[in-house]
N, C-alpha and C. Protein backbone atom coordinates (compact mmCIF):
# COMPACT_ATOMS: atom_id res chain seq x y z
N GLY A 1 89.65 117.33 128.00
CA GLY A 1 89.44 117.31 126.67
C GLY A 1 88.17 116.79 126.09
N TYR A 2 88.28 116.78 124.81
CA TYR A 2 87.15 116.41 123.98
C TYR A 2 87.36 115.04 123.34
N GLU A 3 88.20 114.20 123.96
CA GLU A 3 88.59 112.94 123.32
C GLU A 3 87.41 112.06 122.95
N ARG A 4 86.43 111.96 123.83
CA ARG A 4 85.27 111.10 123.54
C ARG A 4 84.46 111.66 122.38
N LEU A 5 84.32 113.00 122.34
CA LEU A 5 83.62 113.62 121.21
C LEU A 5 84.41 113.44 119.92
N GLU A 6 85.74 113.58 120.01
CA GLU A 6 86.58 113.37 118.82
C GLU A 6 86.39 111.95 118.30
N PHE A 7 86.38 110.99 119.19
CA PHE A 7 86.21 109.58 118.83
C PHE A 7 84.89 109.39 118.07
N LEU A 8 83.81 109.91 118.64
CA LEU A 8 82.50 109.76 118.01
C LEU A 8 82.44 110.55 116.70
N GLY A 9 82.95 111.77 116.72
CA GLY A 9 82.92 112.61 115.52
C GLY A 9 83.67 112.00 114.36
N ASP A 10 84.78 111.34 114.65
CA ASP A 10 85.55 110.66 113.61
C ASP A 10 84.70 109.60 112.93
N ARG A 11 83.95 108.83 113.72
CA ARG A 11 83.12 107.75 113.16
C ARG A 11 81.93 108.31 112.39
N VAL A 12 81.29 109.34 112.94
CA VAL A 12 80.14 109.94 112.26
C VAL A 12 80.60 110.57 110.93
N LEU A 13 81.72 111.28 110.97
CA LEU A 13 82.25 111.88 109.75
C LEU A 13 82.57 110.81 108.71
N GLY A 14 83.19 109.73 109.15
CA GLY A 14 83.53 108.65 108.22
C GLY A 14 82.31 108.09 107.52
N LEU A 15 81.24 107.88 108.27
CA LEU A 15 80.00 107.37 107.70
C LEU A 15 79.40 108.36 106.71
N ILE A 16 79.31 109.62 107.10
CA ILE A 16 78.69 110.64 106.25
C ILE A 16 79.48 110.82 104.96
N VAL A 17 80.80 110.86 105.07
CA VAL A 17 81.63 111.03 103.87
C VAL A 17 81.52 109.81 102.97
N ALA A 18 81.52 108.61 103.54
CA ALA A 18 81.38 107.38 102.73
C ALA A 18 80.06 107.40 101.98
N GLU A 19 79.00 107.74 102.68
CA GLU A 19 77.66 107.82 102.08
C GLU A 19 77.63 108.86 100.95
N TRP A 20 78.24 110.01 101.20
CA TRP A 20 78.25 111.10 100.23
C TRP A 20 79.05 110.70 98.99
N LEU A 21 80.17 110.06 99.18
CA LEU A 21 80.99 109.63 98.05
C LEU A 21 80.25 108.61 97.19
N LEU A 22 79.55 107.67 97.82
CA LEU A 22 78.78 106.69 97.06
C LEU A 22 77.70 107.38 96.22
N GLU A 23 77.12 108.42 96.79
CA GLU A 23 76.08 109.18 96.09
C GLU A 23 76.67 109.99 94.94
N ARG A 24 77.80 110.65 95.19
CA ARG A 24 78.42 111.53 94.18
C ARG A 24 79.14 110.76 93.08
N PHE A 25 79.66 109.59 93.39
CA PHE A 25 80.46 108.81 92.44
C PHE A 25 79.92 107.39 92.33
N PRO A 26 78.71 107.22 91.80
CA PRO A 26 78.07 105.91 91.82
C PRO A 26 78.79 104.83 91.01
N ASP A 27 79.60 105.22 90.03
CA ASP A 27 80.26 104.23 89.17
C ASP A 27 81.74 104.04 89.50
N GLU A 28 82.23 104.72 90.53
CA GLU A 28 83.66 104.65 90.83
C GLU A 28 83.98 103.39 91.62
N PRO A 29 85.11 102.73 91.30
CA PRO A 29 85.47 101.52 92.05
C PRO A 29 85.81 101.82 93.51
N GLU A 30 85.71 100.78 94.32
CA GLU A 30 85.92 100.92 95.77
C GLU A 30 87.28 101.51 96.10
N GLY A 31 88.34 101.10 95.40
CA GLY A 31 89.68 101.61 95.70
C GLY A 31 89.77 103.12 95.53
N ALA A 32 89.18 103.64 94.46
CA ALA A 32 89.20 105.09 94.23
C ALA A 32 88.36 105.81 95.28
N LEU A 33 87.23 105.22 95.65
CA LEU A 33 86.40 105.81 96.71
C LEU A 33 87.17 105.85 98.02
N ALA A 34 87.90 104.78 98.31
CA ALA A 34 88.67 104.71 99.56
C ALA A 34 89.74 105.81 99.59
N ARG A 35 90.39 106.06 98.45
CA ARG A 35 91.40 107.12 98.41
C ARG A 35 90.76 108.48 98.64
N ARG A 36 89.62 108.71 98.00
CA ARG A 36 88.92 109.98 98.21
C ARG A 36 88.52 110.14 99.69
N HIS A 37 87.99 109.06 100.26
CA HIS A 37 87.55 109.08 101.65
C HIS A 37 88.72 109.43 102.58
N THR A 38 89.84 108.75 102.38
CA THR A 38 91.02 109.00 103.21
C THR A 38 91.44 110.46 103.12
N ASP A 39 91.42 111.00 101.92
CA ASP A 39 91.83 112.38 101.72
C ASP A 39 90.87 113.35 102.41
N LEU A 40 89.59 113.04 102.39
CA LEU A 40 88.59 113.95 102.96
C LEU A 40 88.55 113.93 104.48
N VAL A 41 88.92 112.83 105.11
CA VAL A 41 88.83 112.76 106.57
C VAL A 41 90.19 112.92 107.25
N ARG A 42 91.23 113.22 106.49
CA ARG A 42 92.55 113.35 107.11
C ARG A 42 92.69 114.67 107.87
N ARG A 43 93.69 114.73 108.70
CA ARG A 43 93.91 115.87 109.61
C ARG A 43 93.95 117.20 108.86
N GLU A 44 94.68 117.26 107.76
CA GLU A 44 94.83 118.53 107.04
C GLU A 44 93.49 119.05 106.54
N THR A 45 92.64 118.15 106.05
CA THR A 45 91.33 118.56 105.55
C THR A 45 90.46 119.05 106.70
N LEU A 46 90.47 118.32 107.80
CA LEU A 46 89.67 118.73 108.96
C LEU A 46 90.12 120.09 109.49
N ALA A 47 91.43 120.32 109.52
CA ALA A 47 91.95 121.61 109.98
C ALA A 47 91.52 122.73 109.02
N GLU A 48 91.51 122.43 107.73
CA GLU A 48 91.06 123.41 106.73
C GLU A 48 89.59 123.77 106.97
N ILE A 49 88.77 122.75 107.24
CA ILE A 49 87.34 122.98 107.53
C ILE A 49 87.22 123.82 108.80
N ALA A 50 87.98 123.47 109.82
CA ALA A 50 87.93 124.21 111.09
C ALA A 50 88.30 125.68 110.89
N ARG A 51 89.31 125.93 110.06
CA ARG A 51 89.67 127.32 109.78
C ARG A 51 88.54 128.03 109.04
N GLY A 52 87.90 127.32 108.12
CA GLY A 52 86.80 127.91 107.35
C GLY A 52 85.63 128.34 108.21
N ILE A 53 85.38 127.63 109.28
CA ILE A 53 84.27 128.00 110.19
C ILE A 53 84.78 128.77 111.40
N GLU A 54 86.05 129.16 111.36
CA GLU A 54 86.69 129.94 112.43
C GLU A 54 86.55 129.26 113.80
N LEU A 55 86.76 127.95 113.79
CA LEU A 55 86.63 127.18 115.02
C LEU A 55 87.68 127.55 116.05
N GLY A 56 88.88 127.89 115.62
CA GLY A 56 89.97 128.19 116.54
C GLY A 56 89.64 129.23 117.58
N ARG A 57 88.92 130.26 117.18
CA ARG A 57 88.61 131.34 118.14
C ARG A 57 87.57 130.94 119.17
N HIS A 58 86.91 129.79 118.95
CA HIS A 58 85.90 129.33 119.90
C HIS A 58 86.40 128.21 120.83
N LEU A 59 87.62 127.73 120.58
CA LEU A 59 88.14 126.63 121.38
C LEU A 59 88.56 127.10 122.76
N ILE A 60 88.29 126.28 123.75
CA ILE A 60 88.76 126.55 125.11
C ILE A 60 90.08 125.82 125.26
N LEU A 61 91.16 126.60 125.40
CA LEU A 61 92.50 126.04 125.47
C LEU A 61 93.17 126.44 126.77
N SER A 62 94.16 125.67 127.18
CA SER A 62 94.96 126.07 128.33
C SER A 62 95.74 127.33 127.93
N ALA A 63 96.20 128.06 128.92
CA ALA A 63 96.96 129.28 128.64
C ALA A 63 98.19 128.96 127.79
N GLY A 64 98.85 127.84 128.09
CA GLY A 64 100.04 127.45 127.34
C GLY A 64 99.72 127.13 125.89
N GLU A 65 98.63 126.38 125.66
CA GLU A 65 98.24 126.03 124.29
C GLU A 65 97.89 127.30 123.50
N ALA A 66 97.14 128.18 124.14
CA ALA A 66 96.75 129.41 123.46
C ALA A 66 97.97 130.27 123.14
N GLU A 67 98.89 130.36 124.10
CA GLU A 67 100.08 131.19 123.92
C GLU A 67 100.98 130.66 122.80
N TYR A 68 101.03 129.35 122.64
CA TYR A 68 101.92 128.75 121.64
C TYR A 68 101.20 128.39 120.34
N GLY A 69 100.15 129.12 120.00
CA GLY A 69 99.51 128.96 118.70
C GLY A 69 98.52 127.84 118.58
N GLY A 70 97.95 127.40 119.70
CA GLY A 70 97.01 126.29 119.67
C GLY A 70 95.79 126.53 118.80
N ARG A 71 95.39 127.78 118.67
CA ARG A 71 94.20 128.08 117.86
C ARG A 71 94.45 127.88 116.37
N GLU A 72 95.71 127.75 115.98
CA GLU A 72 96.05 127.48 114.58
C GLU A 72 96.74 126.13 114.42
N ASN A 73 96.89 125.38 115.51
CA ASN A 73 97.53 124.07 115.47
C ASN A 73 96.65 123.09 114.71
N GLU A 74 97.23 122.47 113.68
CA GLU A 74 96.46 121.58 112.81
C GLU A 74 95.80 120.43 113.58
N ALA A 75 96.53 119.81 114.47
CA ALA A 75 95.98 118.67 115.23
C ALA A 75 94.83 119.13 116.13
N ILE A 76 94.99 120.25 116.81
CA ILE A 76 93.95 120.76 117.69
C ILE A 76 92.71 121.15 116.89
N LEU A 77 92.91 121.81 115.75
CA LEU A 77 91.78 122.19 114.91
C LEU A 77 91.05 120.96 114.37
N ALA A 78 91.81 119.97 113.90
CA ALA A 78 91.18 118.75 113.36
C ALA A 78 90.38 118.03 114.44
N ASP A 79 90.98 117.91 115.64
CA ASP A 79 90.26 117.26 116.75
C ASP A 79 89.01 118.05 117.12
N GLY A 80 89.13 119.36 117.12
CA GLY A 80 87.98 120.21 117.43
C GLY A 80 86.87 120.05 116.40
N CYS A 81 87.25 119.93 115.13
CA CYS A 81 86.27 119.72 114.07
C CYS A 81 85.50 118.42 114.28
N GLU A 82 86.22 117.36 114.63
CA GLU A 82 85.56 116.08 114.93
C GLU A 82 84.62 116.21 116.12
N ALA A 83 85.03 116.96 117.12
CA ALA A 83 84.19 117.14 118.31
C ALA A 83 82.91 117.90 117.96
N VAL A 84 83.01 118.89 117.07
CA VAL A 84 81.83 119.65 116.65
C VAL A 84 80.86 118.73 115.89
N ILE A 85 81.40 117.88 115.03
CA ILE A 85 80.55 116.93 114.29
C ILE A 85 79.82 116.01 115.27
N ALA A 86 80.53 115.52 116.28
CA ALA A 86 79.90 114.67 117.29
C ALA A 86 78.82 115.43 118.05
N ALA A 87 79.09 116.68 118.40
CA ALA A 87 78.11 117.49 119.13
C ALA A 87 76.85 117.69 118.29
N ARG A 88 77.04 117.95 117.00
CA ARG A 88 75.88 118.09 116.10
C ARG A 88 75.10 116.78 116.06
N TYR A 89 75.81 115.67 116.01
CA TYR A 89 75.16 114.36 115.98
C TYR A 89 74.38 114.11 117.28
N LEU A 90 75.01 114.37 118.41
CA LEU A 90 74.35 114.12 119.69
C LEU A 90 73.16 115.05 119.91
N ASP A 91 73.27 116.27 119.42
CA ASP A 91 72.22 117.26 119.62
C ASP A 91 71.05 117.06 118.67
N GLY A 92 71.33 116.73 117.40
CA GLY A 92 70.26 116.68 116.41
C GLY A 92 70.18 115.41 115.59
N GLY A 93 71.00 114.42 115.94
CA GLY A 93 70.97 113.16 115.21
C GLY A 93 71.80 113.19 113.94
N LEU A 94 71.72 112.09 113.21
CA LEU A 94 72.54 111.94 112.01
C LEU A 94 72.22 113.00 110.96
N GLU A 95 70.97 113.35 110.81
CA GLU A 95 70.59 114.34 109.79
C GLU A 95 71.23 115.70 110.07
N ALA A 96 71.27 116.12 111.33
CA ALA A 96 71.90 117.40 111.68
C ALA A 96 73.40 117.35 111.40
N ALA A 97 74.02 116.23 111.76
CA ALA A 97 75.46 116.08 111.49
C ALA A 97 75.70 116.07 109.98
N ARG A 98 74.84 115.37 109.24
CA ARG A 98 74.97 115.31 107.78
C ARG A 98 74.87 116.70 107.16
N ARG A 99 73.89 117.51 107.60
CA ARG A 99 73.73 118.87 107.06
C ARG A 99 74.99 119.70 107.33
N PHE A 100 75.51 119.59 108.56
CA PHE A 100 76.72 120.35 108.90
C PHE A 100 77.91 119.92 108.03
N VAL A 101 78.14 118.62 107.93
CA VAL A 101 79.28 118.12 107.15
C VAL A 101 79.14 118.51 105.68
N ARG A 102 77.97 118.31 105.12
CA ARG A 102 77.78 118.64 103.70
C ARG A 102 77.97 120.13 103.44
N SER A 103 77.55 120.95 104.35
CA SER A 103 77.73 122.39 104.20
C SER A 103 79.20 122.77 104.36
N ALA A 104 79.81 122.30 105.43
CA ALA A 104 81.20 122.67 105.72
C ALA A 104 82.18 122.08 104.71
N PHE A 105 81.87 120.89 104.19
CA PHE A 105 82.80 120.18 103.30
C PHE A 105 82.50 120.40 101.82
N ALA A 106 81.46 121.16 101.48
CA ALA A 106 81.01 121.28 100.08
C ALA A 106 82.15 121.70 99.15
N GLU A 107 82.87 122.74 99.52
CA GLU A 107 83.95 123.23 98.66
C GLU A 107 85.07 122.20 98.55
N VAL A 108 85.39 121.56 99.65
CA VAL A 108 86.47 120.57 99.66
C VAL A 108 86.10 119.37 98.80
N ILE A 109 84.88 118.88 98.93
CA ILE A 109 84.50 117.69 98.16
C ILE A 109 84.43 118.02 96.67
N ASP A 110 84.08 119.25 96.33
CA ASP A 110 84.06 119.63 94.91
C ASP A 110 85.45 119.56 94.30
N ARG A 111 86.47 119.86 95.10
CA ARG A 111 87.85 119.72 94.60
C ARG A 111 88.19 118.27 94.33
N HIS A 112 87.46 117.36 94.96
CA HIS A 112 87.74 115.93 94.82
C HIS A 112 86.93 115.30 93.69
N LEU A 113 86.31 116.12 92.87
CA LEU A 113 85.55 115.59 91.74
C LEU A 113 86.49 114.96 90.70
N ARG A 114 87.72 115.49 90.63
CA ARG A 114 88.66 114.87 89.68
C ARG A 114 89.13 113.54 90.26
N PRO A 115 89.44 112.60 89.40
CA PRO A 115 89.84 111.28 89.89
C PRO A 115 91.07 111.37 90.78
N PRO A 116 91.11 110.58 91.85
CA PRO A 116 92.29 110.60 92.72
C PRO A 116 93.50 110.04 91.98
N LEU A 117 94.66 110.52 92.36
CA LEU A 117 95.91 110.10 91.72
C LEU A 117 96.29 108.69 92.16
N ASP A 118 96.92 107.96 91.25
CA ASP A 118 97.50 106.70 91.69
C ASP A 118 98.73 107.04 92.53
N ALA A 119 99.21 106.08 93.29
CA ALA A 119 100.28 106.33 94.26
C ALA A 119 101.56 106.86 93.62
N LYS A 120 101.93 106.33 92.44
CA LYS A 120 103.16 106.80 91.78
C LYS A 120 103.05 108.28 91.41
N THR A 121 101.92 108.67 90.86
CA THR A 121 101.71 110.08 90.49
C THR A 121 101.68 110.95 91.74
N ALA A 122 100.99 110.48 92.76
CA ALA A 122 100.91 111.25 94.00
C ALA A 122 102.30 111.43 94.62
N LEU A 123 103.11 110.37 94.60
CA LEU A 123 104.46 110.46 95.15
C LEU A 123 105.30 111.44 94.34
N GLN A 124 105.18 111.38 93.03
CA GLN A 124 105.93 112.30 92.18
C GLN A 124 105.54 113.75 92.48
N GLU A 125 104.26 114.02 92.61
CA GLU A 125 103.81 115.38 92.95
C GLU A 125 104.29 115.78 94.33
N TRP A 126 104.28 114.83 95.26
CA TRP A 126 104.73 115.10 96.64
C TRP A 126 106.19 115.54 96.64
N VAL A 127 107.07 114.80 95.93
CA VAL A 127 108.49 115.16 95.94
C VAL A 127 108.74 116.46 95.18
N GLN A 128 108.01 116.68 94.08
CA GLN A 128 108.19 117.91 93.31
C GLN A 128 107.78 119.12 94.13
N ALA A 129 106.71 118.98 94.91
CA ALA A 129 106.25 120.09 95.75
C ALA A 129 107.27 120.46 96.82
N ARG A 130 108.14 119.52 97.17
CA ARG A 130 109.15 119.75 98.20
C ARG A 130 110.54 119.97 97.62
N GLY A 131 110.64 120.05 96.31
CA GLY A 131 111.92 120.27 95.66
C GLY A 131 112.88 119.11 95.77
N LEU A 132 112.35 117.90 95.97
CA LEU A 132 113.19 116.71 96.10
C LEU A 132 113.38 116.07 94.72
N PRO A 133 114.45 115.27 94.56
CA PRO A 133 114.63 114.57 93.29
C PRO A 133 113.52 113.54 93.08
N LEU A 134 113.29 113.19 91.81
CA LEU A 134 112.23 112.23 91.49
C LEU A 134 112.53 110.87 92.11
N PRO A 135 111.50 110.10 92.42
CA PRO A 135 111.69 108.76 92.99
C PRO A 135 112.42 107.84 92.00
N ASP A 136 113.22 106.94 92.55
CA ASP A 136 113.94 105.96 91.74
C ASP A 136 113.40 104.57 92.10
N TYR A 137 112.86 103.86 91.10
CA TYR A 137 112.29 102.53 91.30
C TYR A 137 113.27 101.47 90.82
N THR A 138 113.55 100.50 91.69
CA THR A 138 114.46 99.40 91.35
C THR A 138 113.78 98.08 91.65
N THR A 139 113.84 97.16 90.67
CA THR A 139 113.30 95.82 90.91
C THR A 139 114.30 95.06 91.76
N VAL A 140 113.87 94.70 92.96
CA VAL A 140 114.74 94.01 93.91
C VAL A 140 114.77 92.51 93.61
N SER A 141 113.59 91.96 93.30
CA SER A 141 113.55 90.52 93.00
C SER A 141 112.35 90.18 92.15
N ARG A 142 112.47 89.04 91.49
CA ARG A 142 111.36 88.45 90.75
C ARG A 142 111.36 86.98 91.12
N SER A 143 110.23 86.51 91.59
CA SER A 143 110.16 85.11 92.00
C SER A 143 108.87 84.50 91.46
N GLY A 144 108.72 83.20 91.68
CA GLY A 144 107.52 82.51 91.25
C GLY A 144 107.62 82.03 89.81
N PRO A 145 106.70 81.19 89.42
CA PRO A 145 106.71 80.66 88.05
C PRO A 145 106.32 81.75 87.04
N ASP A 146 106.63 81.50 85.76
CA ASP A 146 106.36 82.48 84.70
C ASP A 146 104.88 82.87 84.64
N HIS A 147 104.00 81.91 84.88
CA HIS A 147 102.57 82.20 84.78
C HIS A 147 102.03 82.93 86.02
N LYS A 148 102.84 83.01 87.09
CA LYS A 148 102.40 83.69 88.30
C LYS A 148 103.61 84.34 88.99
N PRO A 149 104.20 85.35 88.32
CA PRO A 149 105.40 85.98 88.90
C PRO A 149 105.04 86.88 90.09
N GLU A 150 106.04 87.12 90.91
CA GLU A 150 105.91 88.05 92.03
C GLU A 150 107.13 88.97 91.98
N PHE A 151 106.87 90.27 91.87
CA PHE A 151 107.94 91.25 91.81
C PHE A 151 108.03 92.01 93.13
N GLU A 152 109.25 92.34 93.50
CA GLU A 152 109.48 93.20 94.65
C GLU A 152 110.25 94.41 94.14
N VAL A 153 109.71 95.60 94.38
CA VAL A 153 110.31 96.84 93.90
C VAL A 153 110.60 97.74 95.09
N GLN A 154 111.75 98.40 95.03
CA GLN A 154 112.12 99.37 96.06
C GLN A 154 112.12 100.76 95.44
N VAL A 155 111.53 101.72 96.15
CA VAL A 155 111.57 103.11 95.71
C VAL A 155 112.45 103.88 96.69
N THR A 156 113.31 104.71 96.11
CA THR A 156 114.19 105.53 96.95
C THR A 156 114.05 107.00 96.53
N ILE A 157 114.15 107.84 97.53
CA ILE A 157 114.17 109.29 97.34
C ILE A 157 115.27 109.80 98.26
N LYS A 158 116.16 110.58 97.69
CA LYS A 158 117.29 111.08 98.48
C LYS A 158 116.80 111.74 99.77
N GLY A 159 117.37 111.32 100.89
CA GLY A 159 117.03 111.88 102.18
C GLY A 159 115.93 111.16 102.93
N LEU A 160 115.33 110.14 102.30
CA LEU A 160 114.26 109.40 102.95
C LEU A 160 114.61 107.91 102.95
N PRO A 161 114.14 107.17 103.95
CA PRO A 161 114.39 105.73 103.93
C PRO A 161 113.64 105.08 102.77
N PRO A 162 114.20 104.03 102.17
CA PRO A 162 113.53 103.39 101.04
C PRO A 162 112.25 102.68 101.48
N ALA A 163 111.38 102.43 100.51
CA ALA A 163 110.14 101.68 100.77
C ALA A 163 110.04 100.59 99.72
N VAL A 164 109.40 99.49 100.10
CA VAL A 164 109.31 98.33 99.22
C VAL A 164 107.84 97.97 99.00
N GLY A 165 107.55 97.51 97.79
CA GLY A 165 106.22 97.01 97.47
C GLY A 165 106.34 95.76 96.62
N SER A 166 105.35 94.91 96.67
CA SER A 166 105.39 93.69 95.85
C SER A 166 104.05 93.53 95.15
N GLY A 167 104.10 92.77 94.04
CA GLY A 167 102.89 92.53 93.28
C GLY A 167 103.13 91.60 92.12
N SER A 168 102.06 91.28 91.41
CA SER A 168 102.15 90.32 90.31
C SER A 168 102.68 90.94 89.02
N SER A 169 102.95 92.24 89.04
CA SER A 169 103.62 92.91 87.91
C SER A 169 104.51 93.99 88.48
N LYS A 170 105.47 94.45 87.66
CA LYS A 170 106.34 95.54 88.12
C LYS A 170 105.50 96.78 88.43
N ARG A 171 104.52 97.05 87.58
CA ARG A 171 103.69 98.24 87.76
C ARG A 171 102.96 98.21 89.11
N ILE A 172 102.37 97.08 89.44
CA ILE A 172 101.66 96.95 90.73
C ILE A 172 102.65 97.10 91.88
N ALA A 173 103.80 96.45 91.77
CA ALA A 173 104.81 96.54 92.83
C ALA A 173 105.30 97.98 93.00
N GLU A 174 105.49 98.71 91.89
CA GLU A 174 105.92 100.10 91.96
C GLU A 174 104.86 100.96 92.66
N ARG A 175 103.60 100.75 92.32
CA ARG A 175 102.52 101.52 92.95
C ARG A 175 102.47 101.24 94.45
N ARG A 176 102.64 99.98 94.81
CA ARG A 176 102.60 99.64 96.24
C ARG A 176 103.81 100.21 96.98
N ALA A 177 104.96 100.22 96.33
CA ALA A 177 106.14 100.83 96.94
C ALA A 177 105.92 102.33 97.11
N ALA A 178 105.34 102.98 96.09
CA ALA A 178 105.05 104.41 96.16
C ALA A 178 104.07 104.70 97.30
N ALA A 179 103.03 103.86 97.42
CA ALA A 179 102.05 104.04 98.49
C ALA A 179 102.71 103.91 99.86
N ALA A 180 103.61 102.93 99.99
CA ALA A 180 104.32 102.74 101.26
C ALA A 180 105.20 103.95 101.57
N MET A 181 105.87 104.48 100.54
CA MET A 181 106.72 105.66 100.73
C MET A 181 105.87 106.86 101.16
N LEU A 182 104.73 107.06 100.51
CA LEU A 182 103.85 108.17 100.88
C LEU A 182 103.36 108.04 102.31
N THR A 183 102.98 106.83 102.70
CA THR A 183 102.51 106.59 104.06
C THR A 183 103.60 106.93 105.07
N CYS A 184 104.82 106.47 104.81
CA CYS A 184 105.94 106.75 105.72
C CYS A 184 106.26 108.24 105.76
N ALA A 185 106.26 108.88 104.60
CA ALA A 185 106.60 110.31 104.52
C ALA A 185 105.54 111.14 105.25
N GLU A 186 104.27 110.81 105.06
CA GLU A 186 103.20 111.55 105.73
C GLU A 186 103.23 111.30 107.24
N ALA A 187 103.50 110.07 107.65
CA ALA A 187 103.59 109.75 109.08
C ALA A 187 104.75 110.51 109.71
N ASP A 188 105.87 110.56 109.00
CA ASP A 188 107.04 111.28 109.49
C ASP A 188 106.71 112.76 109.65
N ARG A 189 106.00 113.33 108.66
CA ARG A 189 105.63 114.73 108.71
C ARG A 189 104.67 114.99 109.86
N ALA A 190 103.71 114.08 110.05
CA ALA A 190 102.73 114.24 111.14
C ALA A 190 103.40 114.18 112.51
N ASN A 191 104.53 113.46 112.59
CA ASN A 191 105.25 113.34 113.85
C ASN A 191 106.32 114.41 114.00
N GLY A 192 106.26 115.42 113.14
CA GLY A 192 107.19 116.53 113.26
C GLY A 192 108.48 116.34 112.52
N GLY A 193 108.56 115.32 111.64
CA GLY A 193 109.77 115.05 110.88
C GLY A 193 109.92 115.89 109.67
């Protein structure tokens, strides 16, 4: 395999995307930049880029991988995309890798010009896209003194395990619970759930 190239490509891509986001969104807070960054370097985005450059038809796969759809497999395409970025970096340095990423990712990053969603909105869109009932937020506990309260909120969605978040307000706790639910749901999906 290409594991070492994937490892390097992941790091090079992360740097280039971080640099590009700082350039494109000079006034955006770090948290919003981090959400954009995560979205741009995730497996689904890399697979989309790989499909756009028709990487699948150039991959060297085992007969079994090829027979069972490896050229369209999201994980294989994403890993291959990272390997190509590393190869560009090793062959022509950071500038060559930067040119490739900026060209290949131009359309994708333009979609990210709108502000990223907060976790509650993202979770609501996630469940609606799957025809699931809306999330239900319940305050599990409130502790601490009045001037420094700590809330714990649980979010539940029918068919999924609940997730919990805490914070100094109900709103913050709800957002953190939503973020935890999204993380679990995406991890479950990535693992074939």
